[in-house]
């Protein structure tokens, strides 16, 4: 069963607190997971690590790609990616500890662009999660590509149709 909460805002994992009093988040709070691992936040952290120098690229996707490419030769870029894996791993560990899932799937264009971080994310989650629930869970990249959310949403009316047998209530 899907849990929607009192006002359908359940599941806002990106706005769970990762660092008390940490970085400002677009939601108005401080220290949200998204303020550390969202594409905009990763780019901001890289810019800060570069002492304010702009990150190459015209948009977030090209800037993340530039960061990933720079990590081959730049200790600063590598550190930003390593920190990102650690933050994301801690966030995944929180999901594992709270929900005891069988599988955690990371999706979206940024997750696909940062896919090489998956082993480090798994390792960080393993350091933070309860041992048994972590060992029972798999942490994977989405196999549906960048349109996974749209594809998932498209299945909802079909699932409803199959559940209700096409009978209007």
Protein backbone atom coordinates (compact mmCIF):
# COMPACT_ATOMS: atom_id res chain seq x y z
CA UNK A 1 0.00 0.00 0.00
CA UNK A 2 1.17 3.50 -0.78
CA UNK A 3 1.54 5.86 2.17
CA UNK A 4 0.61 9.40 1.24
CA UNK A 5 0.43 11.11 4.63
CA UNK A 6 -2.15 13.60 5.89
CA UNK A 7 -1.64 16.02 2.98
CA UNK A 8 0.03 13.80 0.35
CA UNK A 9 3.55 15.04 1.13
CA UNK A 10 4.87 11.76 2.53
CA UNK A 11 8.05 10.50 0.92
CA UNK A 12 9.95 13.80 0.68
CA UNK A 13 13.20 11.97 1.44
CA UNK A 14 15.30 14.78 -0.02
CA UNK A 15 14.00 17.06 2.71
CA UNK A 16 14.93 14.86 5.63
CA UNK A 17 17.63 16.41 7.81
CA UNK A 18 21.12 15.17 7.09
CA UNK A 19 23.09 17.88 8.92
CA UNK A 20 21.44 19.81 11.75
CA UNK A 21 21.80 23.51 10.96
CA UNK A 22 23.64 22.67 7.72
CA UNK A 23 23.48 24.12 4.24
CA UNK A 24 20.41 26.14 3.24
CA UNK A 25 17.89 24.19 1.19
CA UNK A 26 15.52 25.55 -1.45
CA UNK A 27 12.60 24.46 0.80
CA UNK A 28 13.65 27.03 3.42
CA UNK A 29 15.05 24.56 5.94
CA UNK A 30 18.72 23.87 6.63
CA UNK A 31 20.66 20.64 6.34
CA UNK A 32 18.28 18.73 4.06
CA UNK A 33 19.72 15.80 2.12
CA UNK A 34 18.89 17.67 -1.09
CA UNK A 35 21.08 20.58 0.05
CA UNK A 36 24.03 18.18 -0.22
CA UNK A 37 23.22 15.69 -3.00
CA UNK A 38 20.81 17.52 -5.31
CA UNK A 39 22.41 18.51 -8.63
CA UNK A 40 22.31 22.21 -7.78
CA UNK A 41 23.86 21.54 -4.37
CA UNK A 42 26.65 19.38 -5.81
CA UNK A 43 27.49 22.15 -8.28
CA UNK A 44 27.41 24.75 -5.48
CA UNK A 45 29.70 22.63 -3.30
CA UNK A 46 32.10 22.23 -6.25
CA UNK A 47 32.04 25.99 -6.91
CA UNK A 48 32.79 26.64 -3.22
CA UNK A 49 35.63 24.09 -3.28
CA UNK A 50 37.01 25.99 -6.31
CA UNK A 51 37.05 29.17 -4.19
CA UNK A 52 34.07 30.61 -6.03
CA UNK A 53 35.28 29.99 -9.58
CA UNK A 54 32.38 29.06 -11.89
CA UNK A 55 31.86 25.45 -12.80
CA UNK A 56 32.29 24.89 -16.56
CA UNK A 57 29.09 24.15 -18.46
CA UNK A 58 25.93 25.88 -19.59
CA UNK A 59 23.43 23.95 -17.47
CA UNK A 60 23.34 21.57 -14.51
CA UNK A 61 23.79 18.48 -16.67
CA UNK A 62 26.90 19.81 -18.40
CA UNK A 63 28.28 21.11 -15.08
CA UNK A 64 27.84 17.71 -13.40
CA UNK A 65 29.50 16.12 -16.44
CA UNK A 66 32.41 18.59 -16.10
CA UNK A 67 32.76 17.71 -12.41
CA UNK A 68 32.82 13.99 -13.17
CA UNK A 69 35.39 14.52 -15.93
CA UNK A 70 37.55 16.75 -13.71
CA UNK A 71 37.62 14.10 -10.97
CA UNK A 72 40.05 12.10 -13.12
CA UNK A 73 42.78 14.69 -12.53
CA UNK A 74 41.55 17.11 -9.84
CA UNK A 75 41.74 16.26 -6.13
CA UNK A 76 39.15 18.97 -5.47
CA UNK A 77 36.62 17.46 -7.87
CA UNK A 78 37.35 13.96 -6.53
CA UNK A 79 36.74 15.17 -2.95
CA UNK A 80 33.39 16.72 -3.93
CA UNK A 81 32.30 13.44 -5.53
CA UNK A 82 33.56 11.39 -2.57
CA UNK A 83 31.65 13.67 -0.17
CA UNK A 84 28.55 13.36 -2.37
CA UNK A 85 28.77 9.56 -2.19
CA UNK A 86 29.11 9.77 1.59
CA UNK A 87 26.13 12.08 1.99
CA UNK A 88 24.00 9.99 -0.34
CA UNK A 89 25.07 6.80 1.44
CA UNK A 90 24.05 8.30 4.80
CA UNK A 91 20.67 9.25 3.32
CA UNK A 92 20.19 5.73 1.94
CA UNK A 93 21.17 4.31 5.34
CA UNK A 94 18.41 6.39 6.91
CA UNK A 95 15.91 4.88 4.46
CA UNK A 96 17.16 1.38 5.25
CA UNK A 97 16.99 1.95 8.99
CA UNK A 98 13.53 3.51 8.83
CA UNK A 99 11.76 1.35 6.24
CA UNK A 100 13.81 -1.88 5.99
CA UNK A 101 13.35 -2.01 2.20
CA UNK A 102 14.28 -4.92 -0.01
CA UNK A 103 15.65 -2.51 -2.62
CA UNK A 104 16.63 1.16 -2.87
CA UNK A 105 16.63 2.47 -6.45
CA UNK A 106 18.41 5.73 -7.26
CA UNK A 107 17.05 7.45 -10.34
CA UNK A 108 16.96 10.67 -12.30
CA UNK A 109 19.48 12.21 -14.65
CA UNK A 110 21.87 13.20 -11.86
CA UNK A 111 21.97 9.66 -10.45
CA UNK A 112 22.67 8.34 -13.94
CA UNK A 113 25.48 10.90 -14.42
CA UNK A 114 26.96 9.97 -11.04
CA UNK A 115 26.45 6.22 -11.50
CA UNK A 116 30.14 5.48 -10.97
CA UNK A 117 29.66 6.57 -7.35
CA UNK A 118 27.32 3.64 -6.66
CA UNK A 119 29.99 1.40 -4.99
CA UNK A 120 31.01 4.28 -2.71
CA UNK A 121 27.34 5.03 -1.92
CA UNK A 122 26.82 1.38 -0.99
CA UNK A 123 29.93 1.43 1.20
CA UNK A 124 28.86 4.62 2.97
CA UNK A 125 25.35 3.24 3.52
CA UNK A 126 26.88 0.07 4.96
CA UNK A 127 28.84 2.12 7.50
CA UNK A 128 25.71 3.98 8.64
CA UNK A 129 22.86 1.47 8.38
CA UNK A 130 21.92 -1.26 10.81
CA UNK A 131 23.84 -4.33 9.71
CA UNK A 132 21.06 -6.86 9.10
CA UNK A 133 18.66 -4.54 7.24
CA UNK A 134 21.58 -3.29 5.13
CA UNK A 135 22.63 -6.83 4.23
CA UNK A 136 19.06 -7.63 3.17
CA UNK A 137 18.71 -4.55 0.94
CA UNK A 138 20.12 -3.92 -2.51
CA UNK A 139 21.07 -0.42 -3.63
CA UNK A 140 20.81 0.00 -7.39
CA UNK A 141 20.61 2.53 -10.19
CA UNK A 142 17.29 2.81 -11.98
CA UNK A 143 17.17 0.74 -15.13
CA UNK A 144 14.39 2.80 -16.70
CA UNK A 145 16.63 5.77 -17.53
CA UNK A 146 15.89 9.42 -16.95
CA UNK A 147 12.15 9.06 -17.69
CA UNK A 148 11.52 6.66 -14.81
CA UNK A 149 9.20 9.05 -12.94
CA UNK A 150 7.02 9.60 -16.01
CA UNK A 151 6.92 5.87 -16.71
CA UNK A 152 5.99 5.15 -13.11
CA UNK A 153 3.24 7.77 -13.17
CA UNK A 154 1.90 6.28 -16.39
CA UNK A 155 1.44 2.93 -14.66
CA UNK A 156 -0.87 4.38 -11.98
CA UNK A 157 -4.04 4.64 -14.12
CA UNK A 158 -3.32 1.21 -15.59
CA UNK A 159 -2.90 -0.30 -12.12
CA UNK A 160 -6.14 1.35 -11.01
CA UNK A 161 -7.94 0.00 -14.07
CA UNK A 162 -6.66 -3.51 -13.41
CA UNK A 163 -7.52 -3.30 -9.70
CA UNK A 164 -11.05 -1.99 -10.23
CA UNK A 165 -11.77 -3.99 -13.38
CA UNK A 166 -12.77 -0.93 -15.37
CA UNK A 167 -15.82 -0.29 -13.19
CA UNK A 168 -16.39 3.37 -12.28
CA UNK A 169 -17.11 3.97 -8.63
